[in-house]
Amino acid sequence: MQKLIFIIDDNDANLSMAASALEDEYRVLTMPSAKKMFSVLEKRKADLILLDIEMDEMNGFEAIAVLKESPQWSDIPVVFLTGWNDDKIKASALNSGAIDIIFKPIVPSVLRDSVKKYLGEL
């Protein structure tokens, strides 16, 4: 059975780009907000979450804090997606519990390789 990847980003173009890079090999669910992610997680558990940092309503750092505090979701690996390419953001992302950070604009081959690596497929 294919692994399930959640992609959370408030930008439709980013959701489309990431989904099209992954949908041939994985089941992909795209969501425009962390709030939507949590409602879906109540019904389905992801194998990996790709989470945008900068979103309205609840940002990625707030969302990962909720994920990591929850016994049923704390083991889901999270990779942050961001347009902010600086060491301070990367350090904050890793300290928050993310396993990595991928910088935008998304390069499909880099995204696919990262997902395979974090799902133990490389």
PDB file of N, CA and C in Angstrom:
ATOM      1  N   MET A   1       0.834  -1.192   0.000  1.00  0.00           N
ATOM      2  CA  MET A   1       0.000   0.000   0.000  1.00  0.00           C
ATOM      3  C   MET A   1       0.875   1.251   0.000  1.00  0.00           C
ATOM      4  N   GLN A   2       0.483   2.237  -0.787  1.00  0.00           N
ATOM      5  CA  GLN A   2       1.257   3.470  -0.881  1.00  0.00           C
ATOM      6  C   GLN A   2       1.218   4.243   0.433  1.00  0.00           C
ATOM      7  N   LYS A   3       2.333   4.904   0.719  1.00  0.00           N
ATOM      8  CA  LYS A   3       2.417   5.763   1.905  1.00  0.00           C
ATOM      9  C   LYS A   3       1.584   7.015   1.670  1.00  0.00           C
ATOM     10  N   LEU A   4       1.069   7.568   2.781  1.00  0.00           N
ATOM     11  CA  LEU A   4       0.215   8.755   2.730  1.00  0.00           C
ATOM     12  C   LEU A   4       1.009   9.982   3.168  1.00  0.00           C
ATOM     13  N   ILE A   5       1.076  10.972   2.278  1.00  0.00           N
ATOM     14  CA  ILE A   5       1.789  12.218   2.539  1.00  0.00           C
ATOM     15  C   ILE A   5       0.768  13.346   2.646  1.00  0.00           C
ATOM     16  N   PHE A   6       0.843  14.123   3.732  1.00  0.00           N
ATOM     17  CA  PHE A   6       0.050  15.338   3.855  1.00  0.00           C
ATOM     18  C   PHE A   6       0.939  16.505   3.442  1.00  0.00           C
ATOM     19  N   ILE A   7       0.408  17.391   2.622  1.00  0.00           N
ATOM     20  CA  ILE A   7       1.099  18.618   2.253  1.00  0.00           C
ATOM     21  C   ILE A   7       0.219  19.778   2.709  1.00  0.00           C
ATOM     22  N   ILE A   8       0.761  20.619   3.587  1.00  0.00           N
ATOM     23  CA  ILE A   8       0.001  21.737   4.127  1.00  0.00           C
ATOM     24  C   ILE A   8       0.692  23.029   3.736  1.00  0.00           C
ATOM     25  N   ASP A   9      -0.015  23.847   2.982  1.00  0.00           N
ATOM     26  CA  ASP A   9       0.523  25.131   2.533  1.00  0.00           C
ATOM     27  C   ASP A   9      -0.666  26.014   2.168  1.00  0.00           C
ATOM     28  N   ASP A  10      -0.594  27.292   2.477  1.00  0.00           N
ATOM     29  CA  ASP A  10      -1.704  28.189   2.154  1.00  0.00           C
ATOM     30  C   ASP A  10      -1.592  28.784   0.750  1.00  0.00           C
ATOM     31  N   ASN A  11      -0.633  28.303  -0.024  1.00  0.00           N
ATOM     32  CA  ASN A  11      -0.446  28.769  -1.393  1.00  0.00           C
ATOM     33  C   ASN A  11      -0.793  27.625  -2.353  1.00  0.00           C
ATOM     34  N   ASP A  12      -1.807  27.848  -3.179  1.00  0.00           N
ATOM     35  CA  ASP A  12      -2.272  26.799  -4.099  1.00  0.00           C
ATOM     36  C   ASP A  12      -1.191  26.337  -5.070  1.00  0.00           C
ATOM     37  N   ALA A  13      -0.355  27.257  -5.545  1.00  0.00           N
ATOM     38  CA  ALA A  13       0.707  26.882  -6.488  1.00  0.00           C
ATOM     39  C   ALA A  13       1.707  25.943  -5.820  1.00  0.00           C
ATOM     40  N   ASN A  14       2.049  26.200  -4.567  1.00  0.00           N
ATOM     41  CA  ASN A  14       2.972  25.325  -3.844  1.00  0.00           C
ATOM     42  C   ASN A  14       2.347  23.948  -3.613  1.00  0.00           C
ATOM     43  N   LEU A  15       1.072  23.923  -3.283  1.00  0.00           N
ATOM     44  CA  LEU A  15       0.380  22.639  -3.097  1.00  0.00           C
ATOM     45  C   LEU A  15       0.387  21.835  -4.387  1.00  0.00           C
ATOM     46  N   SER A  16       0.081  22.479  -5.492  1.00  0.00           N
ATOM     47  CA  SER A  16       0.044  21.790  -6.786  1.00  0.00           C
ATOM     48  C   SER A  16       1.417  21.267  -7.181  1.00  0.00           C
ATOM     49  N   MET A  17       2.443  22.084  -7.004  1.00  0.00           N
ATOM     50  CA  MET A  17       3.802  21.687  -7.370  1.00  0.00           C
ATOM     51  C   MET A  17       4.241  20.471  -6.553  1.00  0.00           C
ATOM     52  N   ALA A  18       4.046  20.529  -5.237  1.00  0.00           N
ATOM     53  CA  ALA A  18       4.473  19.423  -4.374  1.00  0.00           C
ATOM     54  C   ALA A  18       3.661  18.163  -4.669  1.00  0.00           C
ATOM     55  N   ALA A  19       2.359  18.318  -4.835  1.00  0.00           N
ATOM     56  CA  ALA A  19       1.507  17.156  -5.114  1.00  0.00           C
ATOM     57  C   ALA A  19       1.889  16.499  -6.430  1.00  0.00           C
ATOM     58  N   SER A  20       2.109  17.292  -7.465  1.00  0.00           N
ATOM     59  CA  SER A  20       2.439  16.693  -8.761  1.00  0.00           C
ATOM     60  C   SER A  20       3.798  16.000  -8.728  1.00  0.00           C
ATOM     61  N   ALA A  21       4.695  16.460  -7.866  1.00  0.00           N
ATOM     62  CA  ALA A  21       6.006  15.813  -7.743  1.00  0.00           C
ATOM     63  C   ALA A  21       5.911  14.457  -7.052  1.00  0.00           C
ATOM     64  N   LEU A  22       4.871  14.261  -6.235  1.00  0.00           N
ATOM     65  CA  LEU A  22       4.801  13.063  -5.396  1.00  0.00           C
ATOM     66  C   LEU A  22       3.687  12.080  -5.747  1.00  0.00           C
ATOM     67  N   GLU A  23       2.654  12.538  -6.435  1.00  0.00           N
ATOM     68  CA  GLU A  23       1.449  11.713  -6.575  1.00  0.00           C
ATOM     69  C   GLU A  23       1.607  10.451  -7.406  1.00  0.00           C
ATOM     70  N   ASP A  24       2.664  10.321  -8.185  1.00  0.00           N
ATOM     71  CA  ASP A  24       2.868   9.071  -8.928  1.00  0.00           C
ATOM     72  C   ASP A  24       3.318   7.935  -8.022  1.00  0.00           C
ATOM     73  N   GLU A  25       3.952   8.270  -6.902  1.00  0.00           N
ATOM     74  CA  GLU A  25       4.500   7.247  -6.012  1.00  0.00           C
ATOM     75  C   GLU A  25       3.814   7.149  -4.653  1.00  0.00           C
ATOM     76  N   TYR A  26       3.020   8.163  -4.302  1.00  0.00           N
ATOM     77  CA  TYR A  26       2.411   8.210  -2.964  1.00  0.00           C
ATOM     78  C   TYR A  26       0.961   8.657  -3.056  1.00  0.00           C
ATOM     79  N   ARG A  27       0.215   8.332  -2.009  1.00  0.00           N
ATOM     80  CA  ARG A  27      -1.100   8.941  -1.841  1.00  0.00           C
ATOM     81  C   ARG A  27      -0.827  10.313  -1.220  1.00  0.00           C
ATOM     82  N   VAL A  28      -1.384  11.346  -1.799  1.00  0.00           N
ATOM     83  CA  VAL A  28      -1.104  12.708  -1.371  1.00  0.00           C
ATOM     84  C   VAL A  28      -2.416  13.415  -1.040  1.00  0.00           C
ATOM     85  N   LEU A  29      -2.450  14.037   0.133  1.00  0.00           N
ATOM     86  CA  LEU A  29      -3.573  14.902   0.492  1.00  0.00           C
ATOM     87  C   LEU A  29      -3.018  16.302   0.699  1.00  0.00           C
ATOM     88  N   THR A  30      -3.596  17.279   0.003  1.00  0.00           N
ATOM     89  CA  THR A  30      -3.172  18.662   0.167  1.00  0.00           C
ATOM     90  C   THR A  30      -4.206  19.410   1.004  1.00  0.00           C
ATOM     91  N   MET A  31      -3.691  20.315   1.838  1.00  0.00           N
ATOM     92  CA  MET A  31      -4.559  21.085   2.716  1.00  0.00           C
ATOM     93  C   MET A  31      -4.061  22.519   2.821  1.00  0.00           C
ATOM     94  N   PRO A  32      -4.990  23.480   2.865  1.00  0.00           N
ATOM     95  CA  PRO A  32      -4.596  24.887   2.884  1.00  0.00           C
ATOM     96  C   PRO A  32      -4.267  25.449   4.268  1.00  0.00           C
ATOM     97  N   SER A  33      -4.425  24.641   5.309  1.00  0.00           N
ATOM     98  CA  SER A  33      -4.191  25.172   6.656  1.00  0.00           C
ATOM     99  C   SER A  33      -3.895  24.050   7.647  1.00  0.00           C
ATOM    100  N   ALA A  34      -3.250  24.421   8.743  1.00  0.00           N
ATOM    101  CA  ALA A  34      -2.991  23.463   9.815  1.00  0.00           C
ATOM    102  C   ALA A  34      -4.307  23.023  10.462  1.00  0.00           C
ATOM    103  N   LYS A  35      -5.261  23.922  10.540  1.00  0.00           N
ATOM    104  CA  LYS A  35      -6.569  23.577  11.111  1.00  0.00           C
ATOM    105  C   LYS A  35      -7.197  22.421  10.329  1.00  0.00           C
ATOM    106  N   LYS A  36      -7.128  22.493   9.004  1.00  0.00           N
ATOM    107  CA  LYS A  36      -7.662  21.419   8.158  1.00  0.00           C
ATOM    108  C   LYS A  36      -6.871  20.125   8.378  1.00  0.00           C
ATOM    109  N   MET A  37      -5.549  20.251   8.515  1.00  0.00           N
ATOM    110  CA  MET A  37      -4.705  19.080   8.757  1.00  0.00           C
ATOM    111  C   MET A  37      -5.156  18.340  10.020  1.00  0.00           C
ATOM    112  N   PHE A  38      -5.413  19.085  11.080  1.00  0.00           N
ATOM    113  CA  PHE A  38      -5.813  18.435  12.328  1.00  0.00           C
ATOM    114  C   PHE A  38      -7.174  17.751  12.196  1.00  0.00           C
ATOM    115  N   SER A  39      -8.084  18.334  11.423  1.00  0.00           N
ATOM    116  CA  SER A  39      -9.386  17.670  11.248  1.00  0.00           C
ATOM    117  C   SER A  39      -9.228  16.378  10.448  1.00  0.00           C
ATOM    118  N   VAL A  40      -8.327  16.366   9.463  1.00  0.00           N
ATOM    119  CA  VAL A  40      -8.089  15.151   8.680  1.00  0.00           C
ATOM    120  C   VAL A  40      -7.346  14.112   9.527  1.00  0.00           C
ATOM    121  N   LEU A  41      -6.405  14.559  10.354  1.00  0.00           N
ATOM    122  CA  LEU A  41      -5.661  13.632  11.214  1.00  0.00           C
ATOM    123  C   LEU A  41      -6.573  12.877  12.187  1.00  0.00           C
ATOM    124  N   GLU A  42      -7.700  13.438  12.509  1.00  0.00           N
ATOM    125  CA  GLU A  42      -8.661  12.745  13.373  1.00  0.00           C
ATOM    126  C   GLU A  42      -9.166  11.460  12.705  1.00  0.00           C
ATOM    127  N   LYS A  43      -9.137  11.430  11.358  1.00  0.00           N
ATOM    128  CA  LYS A  43      -9.659  10.293  10.604  1.00  0.00           C
ATOM    129  C   LYS A  43      -8.577   9.427   9.970  1.00  0.00           C
ATOM    130  N   ARG A  44      -7.449  10.050   9.572  1.00  0.00           N
ATOM    131  CA  ARG A  44      -6.389   9.348   8.846  1.00  0.00           C
ATOM    132  C   ARG A  44      -5.039   9.821   9.344  1.00  0.00           C
ATOM    133  N   LYS A  45      -4.140   8.889   9.556  1.00  0.00           N
ATOM    134  CA  LYS A  45      -2.800   9.238  10.016  1.00  0.00           C
ATOM    135  C   LYS A  45      -1.841   9.244   8.822  1.00  0.00           C
ATOM    136  N   ALA A  46      -1.059  10.309   8.725  1.00  0.00           N
ATOM    137  CA  ALA A  46      -0.095  10.445   7.639  1.00  0.00           C
ATOM    138  C   ALA A  46       1.178   9.676   7.969  1.00  0.00           C
ATOM    139  N   ASP A  47       1.891   9.259   6.918  1.00  0.00           N
ATOM    140  CA  ASP A  47       3.214   8.667   7.081  1.00  0.00           C
ATOM    141  C   ASP A  47       4.286   9.751   7.141  1.00  0.00           C
ATOM    142  N   LEU A  48       3.980  10.913   6.556  1.00  0.00           N
ATOM    143  CA  LEU A  48       4.899  12.049   6.535  1.00  0.00           C
ATOM    144  C   LEU A  48       4.076  13.308   6.306  1.00  0.00           C
ATOM    145  N   ILE A  49       4.482  14.397   6.979  1.00  0.00           N
ATOM    146  CA  ILE A  49       3.808  15.681   6.805  1.00  0.00           C
ATOM    147  C   ILE A  49       4.814  16.687   6.261  1.00  0.00           C
ATOM    148  N   LEU A  50       4.448  17.334   5.153  1.00  0.00           N
ATOM    149  CA  LEU A  50       5.210  18.456   4.604  1.00  0.00           C
ATOM    150  C   LEU A  50       4.438  19.711   4.992  1.00  0.00           C
ATOM    151  N   LEU A  51       5.037  20.547   5.825  1.00  0.00           N
ATOM    152  CA  LEU A  51       4.312  21.626   6.501  1.00  0.00           C
ATOM    153  C   LEU A  51       4.953  22.981   6.238  1.00  0.00           C
ATOM    154  N   ASP A  52       4.183  23.879   5.654  1.00  0.00           N
ATOM    155  CA  ASP A  52       4.645  25.244   5.436  1.00  0.00           C
ATOM    156  C   ASP A  52       4.818  25.932   6.792  1.00  0.00           C
ATOM    157  N   ILE A  53       5.819  26.797   6.889  1.00  0.00           N
ATOM    158  CA  ILE A  53       6.042  27.522   8.142  1.00  0.00           C
ATOM    159  C   ILE A  53       5.133  28.736   8.239  1.00  0.00           C
ATOM    160  N   GLU A  54       5.087  29.530   7.182  1.00  0.00           N
ATOM    161  CA  GLU A  54       4.333  30.779   7.249  1.00  0.00           C
ATOM    162  C   GLU A  54       2.933  30.612   6.689  1.00  0.00           C
ATOM    163  N   MET A  55       1.969  30.540   7.616  1.00  0.00           N
ATOM    164  CA  MET A  55       0.562  30.450   7.233  1.00  0.00           C
ATOM    165  C   MET A  55      -0.241  31.315   8.187  1.00  0.00           C
ATOM    166  N   ASP A  56      -1.377  31.797   7.692  1.00  0.00           N
ATOM    167  CA  ASP A  56      -2.290  32.542   8.550  1.00  0.00           C
ATOM    168  C   ASP A  56      -2.944  31.573   9.524  1.00  0.00           C
ATOM    169  N   GLU A  57      -3.554  32.090  10.535  1.00  0.00           N
ATOM    170  CA  GLU A  57      -4.339  31.296  11.484  1.00  0.00           C
ATOM    171  C   GLU A  57      -3.440  30.515  12.445  1.00  0.00           C
ATOM    172  N   MET A  58      -2.656  29.577  11.934  1.00  0.00           N
ATOM    173  CA  MET A  58      -1.715  28.804  12.758  1.00  0.00           C
ATOM    174  C   MET A  58      -0.484  28.541  11.900  1.00  0.00           C
ATOM    175  N   ASN A  59       0.679  29.032  12.354  1.00  0.00           N
ATOM    176  CA  ASN A  59       1.878  28.814  11.545  1.00  0.00           C
ATOM    177  C   ASN A  59       2.446  27.416  11.784  1.00  0.00           C
ATOM    178  N   GLY A  60       3.454  27.062  11.013  1.00  0.00           N
ATOM    179  CA  GLY A  60       4.032  25.727  11.092  1.00  0.00           C
ATOM    180  C   GLY A  60       4.629  25.400  12.457  1.00  0.00           C
ATOM    181  N   PHE A  61       5.240  26.390  13.111  1.00  0.00           N
ATOM    182  CA  PHE A  61       5.829  26.145  14.428  1.00  0.00           C
ATOM    183  C   PHE A  61       4.748  25.849  15.468  1.00  0.00           C
ATOM    184  N   GLU A  62       3.638  26.567  15.380  1.00  0.00           N
ATOM    185  CA  GLU A  62       2.522  26.301  16.287  1.00  0.00           C
ATOM    186  C   GLU A  62       1.925  24.913  16.006  1.00  0.00           C
ATOM    187  N   ALA A  63       1.802  24.573  14.732  1.00  0.00           N
ATOM    188  CA  ALA A  63       1.219  23.280  14.353  1.00  0.00           C
ATOM    189  C   ALA A  63       2.100  22.116  14.797  1.00  0.00           C
ATOM    190  N   ILE A  64       3.418  22.230  14.612  1.00  0.00           N
ATOM    191  CA  ILE A  64       4.285  21.118  15.008  1.00  0.00           C
ATOM    192  C   ILE A  64       4.300  20.951  16.522  1.00  0.00           C
ATOM    193  N   ALA A  65       4.144  22.041  17.258  1.00  0.00           N
ATOM    194  CA  ALA A  65       4.076  21.933  18.723  1.00  0.00           C
ATOM    195  C   ALA A  65       2.871  21.083  19.131  1.00  0.00           C
ATOM    196  N   VAL A  66       1.736  21.299  18.487  1.00  0.00           N
ATOM    197  CA  VAL A  66       0.536  20.501  18.780  1.00  0.00           C
ATOM    198  C   VAL A  66       0.771  19.043  18.385  1.00  0.00           C
ATOM    199  N   LEU A  67       1.356  18.826  17.212  1.00  0.00           N
ATOM    200  CA  LEU A  67       1.629  17.457  16.754  1.00  0.00           C
ATOM    201  C   LEU A  67       2.528  16.715  17.738  1.00  0.00           C
ATOM    202  N   LYS A  68       3.610  17.344  18.161  1.00  0.00           N
ATOM    203  CA  LYS A  68       4.599  16.674  19.004  1.00  0.00           C
ATOM    204  C   LYS A  68       4.098  16.461  20.432  1.00  0.00           C
ATOM    205  N   GLU A  69       3.099  17.229  20.856  1.00  0.00           N
ATOM    206  CA  GLU A  69       2.518  17.046  22.189  1.00  0.00           C
ATOM    207  C   GLU A  69       1.453  15.951  22.216  1.00  0.00           C
ATOM    208  N   SER A  70       1.004  15.522  21.050  1.00  0.00           N
ATOM    209  CA  SER A  70      -0.078  14.553  20.964  1.00  0.00           C
ATOM    210  C   SER A  70       0.465  13.132  20.859  1.00  0.00           C
ATOM    211  N   PRO A  71       0.068  12.248  21.783  1.00  0.00           N
ATOM    212  CA  PRO A  71       0.556  10.869  21.722  1.00  0.00           C
ATOM    213  C   PRO A  71       0.242  10.145  20.408  1.00  0.00           C
ATOM    214  N   GLN A  72      -0.907  10.431  19.795  1.00  0.00           N
ATOM    215  CA  GLN A  72      -1.250   9.718  18.560  1.00  0.00           C
ATOM    216  C   GLN A  72      -0.551  10.276  17.323  1.00  0.00           C
ATOM    217  N   TRP A  73       0.012  11.485  17.390  1.00  0.00           N
ATOM    218  CA  TRP A  73       0.632  12.087  16.217  1.00  0.00           C
ATOM    219  C   TRP A  73       2.116  12.396  16.380  1.00  0.00           C
ATOM    220  N   SER A  74       2.650  12.269  17.571  1.00  0.00           N
ATOM    221  CA  SER A  74       4.022  12.723  17.832  1.00  0.00           C
ATOM    222  C   SER A  74       5.078  11.967  17.019  1.00  0.00           C
ATOM    223  N   ASP A  75       4.749  10.774  16.561  1.00  0.00           N
ATOM    224  CA  ASP A  75       5.730   9.981  15.802  1.00  0.00           C
ATOM    225  C   ASP A  75       5.697  10.243  14.288  1.00  0.00           C
ATOM    226  N   ILE A  76       4.789  11.090  13.821  1.00  0.00           N
ATOM    227  CA  ILE A  76       4.726  11.395  12.394  1.00  0.00           C
ATOM    228  C   ILE A  76       5.889  12.336  12.048  1.00  0.00           C
ATOM    229  N   PRO A  77       6.741  11.936  11.106  1.00  0.00           N
ATOM    230  CA  PRO A  77       7.833  12.836  10.722  1.00  0.00           C
ATOM    231  C   PRO A  77       7.291  14.068   9.993  1.00  0.00           C
ATOM    232  N   VAL A  78       7.873  15.214  10.344  1.00  0.00           N
ATOM    233  CA  VAL A  78       7.475  16.490   9.748  1.00  0.00           C
ATOM    234  C   VAL A  78       8.681  17.119   9.061  1.00  0.00           C
ATOM    235  N   VAL A  79       8.482  17.530   7.824  1.00  0.00           N
ATOM    236  CA  VAL A  79       9.484  18.301   7.084  1.00  0.00           C
ATOM    237  C   VAL A  79       8.863  19.658   6.811  1.00  0.00           C
ATOM    238  N   PHE A  80       9.556  20.712   7.227  1.00  0.00           N
ATOM    239  CA  PHE A  80       9.055  22.055   6.974  1.00  0.00           C
ATOM    240  C   PHE A  80       9.351  22.484   5.545  1.00  0.00           C
ATOM    241  N   LEU A  81       8.444  23.283   5.002  1.00  0.00           N
ATOM    242  CA  LEU A  81       8.621  23.936   3.706  1.00  0.00           C
ATOM    243  C   LEU A  81       8.649  25.433   3.976  1.00  0.00           C
ATOM    244  N   THR A  82       9.614  26.142   3.404  1.00  0.00           N
ATOM    245  CA  THR A  82       9.670  27.585   3.620  1.00  0.00           C
ATOM    246  C   THR A  82      10.422  28.299   2.515  1.00  0.00           C
ATOM    247  N   GLY A  83      10.088  29.549   2.332  1.00  0.00           N
ATOM    248  CA  GLY A  83      10.813  30.411   1.410  1.00  0.00           C
ATOM    249  C   GLY A  83      11.943  31.151   2.101  1.00  0.00           C
ATOM    250  N   TRP A  84      12.009  31.033   3.433  1.00  0.00           N
ATOM    251  CA  TRP A  84      13.046  31.718   4.213  1.00  0.00           C
ATOM    252  C   TRP A  84      14.278  30.842   4.301  1.00  0.00           C
ATOM    253  N   ASN A  85      15.279  31.125   3.497  1.00  0.00           N
ATOM    254  CA  ASN A  85      16.492  30.316   3.473  1.00  0.00           C
ATOM    255  C   ASN A  85      17.558  30.956   4.357  1.00  0.00           C
ATOM    256  N   ASP A  86      17.473  30.696   5.653  1.00  0.00           N
ATOM    257  CA  ASP A  86      18.529  31.167   6.536  1.00  0.00           C
ATOM    258  C   ASP A  86      18.749  30.182   7.677  1.00  0.00           C
ATOM    259  N   ASP A  87      19.949  30.222   8.236  1.00  0.00           N
ATOM    260  CA  ASP A  87      20.347  29.249   9.253  1.00  0.00           C
ATOM    261  C   ASP A  87      19.512  29.334  10.523  1.00  0.00           C
ATOM    262  N   LYS A  88      19.050  30.530  10.873  1.00  0.00           N
ATOM    263  CA  LYS A  88      18.247  30.701  12.087  1.00  0.00           C
ATOM    264  C   LYS A  88      16.907  29.959  11.964  1.00  0.00           C
ATOM    265  N   ILE A  89      16.282  30.082  10.792  1.00  0.00           N
ATOM    266  CA  ILE A  89      15.015  29.378  10.542  1.00  0.00           C
ATOM    267  C   ILE A  89      15.251  27.868  10.565  1.00  0.00           C
ATOM    268  N   LYS A  90      16.328  27.415   9.925  1.00  0.00           N
ATOM    269  CA  LYS A  90      16.626  25.984   9.894  1.00  0.00           C
ATOM    270  C   LYS A  90      16.853  25.453  11.310  1.00  0.00           C
ATOM    271  N   ALA A  91      17.608  26.179  12.124  1.00  0.00           N
ATOM    272  CA  ALA A  91      17.850  25.758  13.511  1.00  0.00           C
ATOM    273  C   ALA A  91      16.538  25.705  14.286  1.00  0.00           C
ATOM    274  N   SER A  92      15.692  26.711  14.126  1.00  0.00           N
ATOM    275  CA  SER A  92      14.396  26.725  14.814  1.00  0.00           C
ATOM    276  C   SER A  92      13.524  25.553  14.377  1.00  0.00           C
ATOM    277  N   ALA A  93      13.556  25.254  13.084  1.00  0.00           N
ATOM    278  CA  ALA A  93      12.757  24.145  12.552  1.00  0.00           C
ATOM    279  C   ALA A  93      13.205  22.820  13.165  1.00  0.00           C
ATOM    280  N   LEU A  94      14.496  22.585  13.185  1.00  0.00           N
ATOM    281  CA  LEU A  94      15.016  21.327  13.732  1.00  0.00           C
ATOM    282  C   LEU A  94      14.796  21.242  15.241  1.00  0.00           C
ATOM    283  N   ASN A  95      14.935  22.354  15.934  1.00  0.00           N
ATOM    284  CA  ASN A  95      14.702  22.376  17.383  1.00  0.00           C
ATOM    285  C   ASN A  95      13.237  22.151  17.737  1.00  0.00           C
ATOM    286  N   SER A  96      12.341  22.452  16.801  1.00  0.00           N
ATOM    287  CA  SER A  96      10.913  22.287  17.059  1.00  0.00           C
ATOM    288  C   SER A  96      10.450  20.843  16.891  1.00  0.00           C
ATOM    289  N   GLY A  97      11.315  19.998  16.318  1.00  0.00           N
ATOM    290  CA  GLY A  97      10.939  18.598  16.126  1.00  0.00           C
ATOM    291  C   GLY A  97      10.852  18.175  14.676  1.00  0.00           C
ATOM    292  N   ALA A  98      11.044  19.100  13.744  1.00  0.00           N
ATOM    293  CA  ALA A  98      11.045  18.723  12.324  1.00  0.00           C
ATOM    294  C   ALA A  98      12.300  17.912  12.023  1.00  0.00           C
ATOM    295  N   ILE A  99      12.193  16.998  11.062  1.00  0.00           N
ATOM    296  CA  ILE A  99      13.358  16.197  10.703  1.00  0.00           C
ATOM    297  C   ILE A  99      14.207  16.876   9.629  1.00  0.00           C
ATOM    298  N   ASP A 100      13.621  17.871   8.944  1.00  0.00           N
ATOM    299  CA  ASP A 100      14.378  18.616   7.943  1.00  0.00           C
ATOM    300  C   ASP A 100      13.556  19.820   7.520  1.00  0.00           C
ATOM    301  N   ILE A 101      14.167  20.598   6.635  1.00  0.00           N
ATOM    302  CA  ILE A 101      13.500  21.757   6.059  1.00  0.00           C
ATOM    303  C   ILE A 101      13.840  21.777   4.573  1.00  0.00           C
ATOM    304  N   ILE A 102      12.840  22.032   3.748  1.00  0.00           N
ATOM    305  CA  ILE A 102      13.038  22.137   2.307  1.00  0.00           C
ATOM    306  C   ILE A 102      12.691  23.572   1.921  1.00  0.00           C
ATOM    307  N   PHE A 103      13.591  24.189   1.178  1.00  0.00           N
ATOM    308  CA  PHE A 103      13.396  25.580   0.814  1.00  0.00           C
ATOM    309  C   PHE A 103      12.652  25.703  -0.509  1.00  0.00           C
ATOM    310  N   LYS A 104      11.774  26.700  -0.558  1.00  0.00           N
ATOM    311  CA  LYS A 104      11.030  27.011  -1.767  1.00  0.00           C
ATOM    312  C   LYS A 104      11.858  27.988  -2.598  1.00  0.00           C
ATOM    313  N   PRO A 105      11.686  28.010  -3.893  1.00  0.00           N
ATOM    314  CA  PRO A 105      10.720  27.227  -4.647  1.00  0.00           C
ATOM    315  C   PRO A 105      11.085  25.740  -4.651  1.00  0.00           C
ATOM    316  N   ILE A 106      10.058  24.928  -4.635  1.00  0.00           N
ATOM    317  CA  ILE A 106      10.237  23.479  -4.562  1.00  0.00           C
ATOM    318  C   ILE A 106      10.824  22.954  -5.872  1.00  0.00           C
ATOM    319  N   VAL A 107      11.865  22.158  -5.738  1.00  0.00           N
ATOM    320  CA  VAL A 107      12.456  21.457  -6.879  1.00  0.00           C
ATOM    321  C   VAL A 107      11.929  20.016  -6.792  1.00  0.00           C
ATOM    322  N   PRO A 108      11.112  19.585  -7.757  1.00  0.00           N
ATOM    323  CA  PRO A 108      10.468  18.277  -7.662  1.00  0.00           C
ATOM    324  C   PRO A 108      11.413  17.114  -7.350  1.00  0.00           C
ATOM    325  N   SER A 109      12.549  17.041  -8.005  1.00  0.00           N
ATOM    326  CA  SER A 109      13.469  15.918  -7.762  1.00  0.00           C
ATOM    327  C   SER A 109      14.036  15.943  -6.344  1.00  0.00           C
ATOM    328  N   VAL A 110      14.296  17.122  -5.821  1.00  0.00           N
ATOM    329  CA  VAL A 110      14.795  17.247  -4.440  1.00  0.00           C
ATOM    330  C   VAL A 110      13.710  16.826  -3.459  1.00  0.00           C
ATOM    331  N   LEU A 111      12.487  17.244  -3.716  1.00  0.00           N
ATOM    332  CA  LEU A 111      11.373  16.861  -2.851  1.00  0.00           C
ATOM    333  C   LEU A 111      11.172  15.351  -2.860  1.00  0.00           C
ATOM    334  N   ARG A 112      11.158  14.747  -4.043  1.00  0.00           N
ATOM    335  CA  ARG A 112      10.982  13.287  -4.135  1.00  0.00           C
ATOM    336  C   ARG A 112      12.085  12.542  -3.392  1.00  0.00           C
ATOM    337  N   ASP A 113      13.331  12.965  -3.586  1.00  0.00           N
ATOM    338  CA  ASP A 113      14.453  12.301  -2.916  1.00  0.00           C
ATOM    339  C   ASP A 113      14.363  12.456  -1.396  1.00  0.00           C
ATOM    340  N   SER A 114      13.972  13.621  -0.942  1.00  0.00           N
ATOM    341  CA  SER A 114      13.839  13.843   0.502  1.00  0.00           C
ATOM    342  C   SER A 114      12.747  12.961   1.091  1.00  0.00           C
ATOM    343  N   VAL A 115      11.615  12.910   0.417  1.00  0.00           N
ATOM    344  CA  VAL A 115      10.506  12.087   0.908  1.00  0.00           C
ATOM    345  C   VAL A 115      10.928  10.613   0.964  1.00  0.00           C
ATOM    346  N   LYS A 116      11.571  10.125  -0.074  1.00  0.00           N
ATOM    347  CA  LYS A 116      12.039   8.740  -0.076  1.00  0.00           C
ATOM    348  C   LYS A 116      12.997   8.488   1.076  1.00  0.00           C
ATOM    349  N   LYS A 117      13.899   9.409   1.297  1.00  0.00           N
ATOM    350  CA  LYS A 117      14.871   9.270   2.385  1.00  0.00           C
ATOM    351  C   LYS A 117      14.160   9.190   3.743  1.00  0.00           C
ATOM    352  N   TYR A 118      13.211  10.076   3.979  1.00  0.00           N
ATOM    353  CA  TYR A 118      12.568  10.119   5.290  1.00  0.00           C
ATOM    354  C   TYR A 118      11.555   8.994   5.498  1.00  0.00           C
ATOM    355  N   LEU A 119      11.139   8.375   4.418  1.00  0.00           N
ATOM    356  CA  LEU A 119      10.266   7.200   4.548  1.00  0.00           C
ATOM    357  C   LEU A 119      11.055   5.897   4.509  1.00  0.00           C
ATOM    358  N   GLY A 120      12.379   6.010   4.502  1.00  0.00           N
ATOM    359  CA  GLY A 120      13.242   4.848   4.523  1.00  0.00           C
ATOM    360  C   GLY A 120      13.271   4.075   3.219  1.00  0.00           C
ATOM    361  N   GLU A 121      13.047   4.771   2.102  1.00  0.00           N
ATOM    362  CA  GLU A 121      12.979   4.114   0.805  1.00  0.00           C
ATOM    363  C   GLU A 121      14.249   4.318  -0.022  1.00  0.00           C
ATOM    364  N   LEU A 122      15.245   4.988   0.518  1.00  0.00           N
ATOM    365  CA  LEU A 122      16.515   5.189  -0.209  1.00  0.00           C
ATOM    366  C   LEU A 122      17.597   4.352   0.407  1.00  0.00           C
TER     367      LEU A 122
END
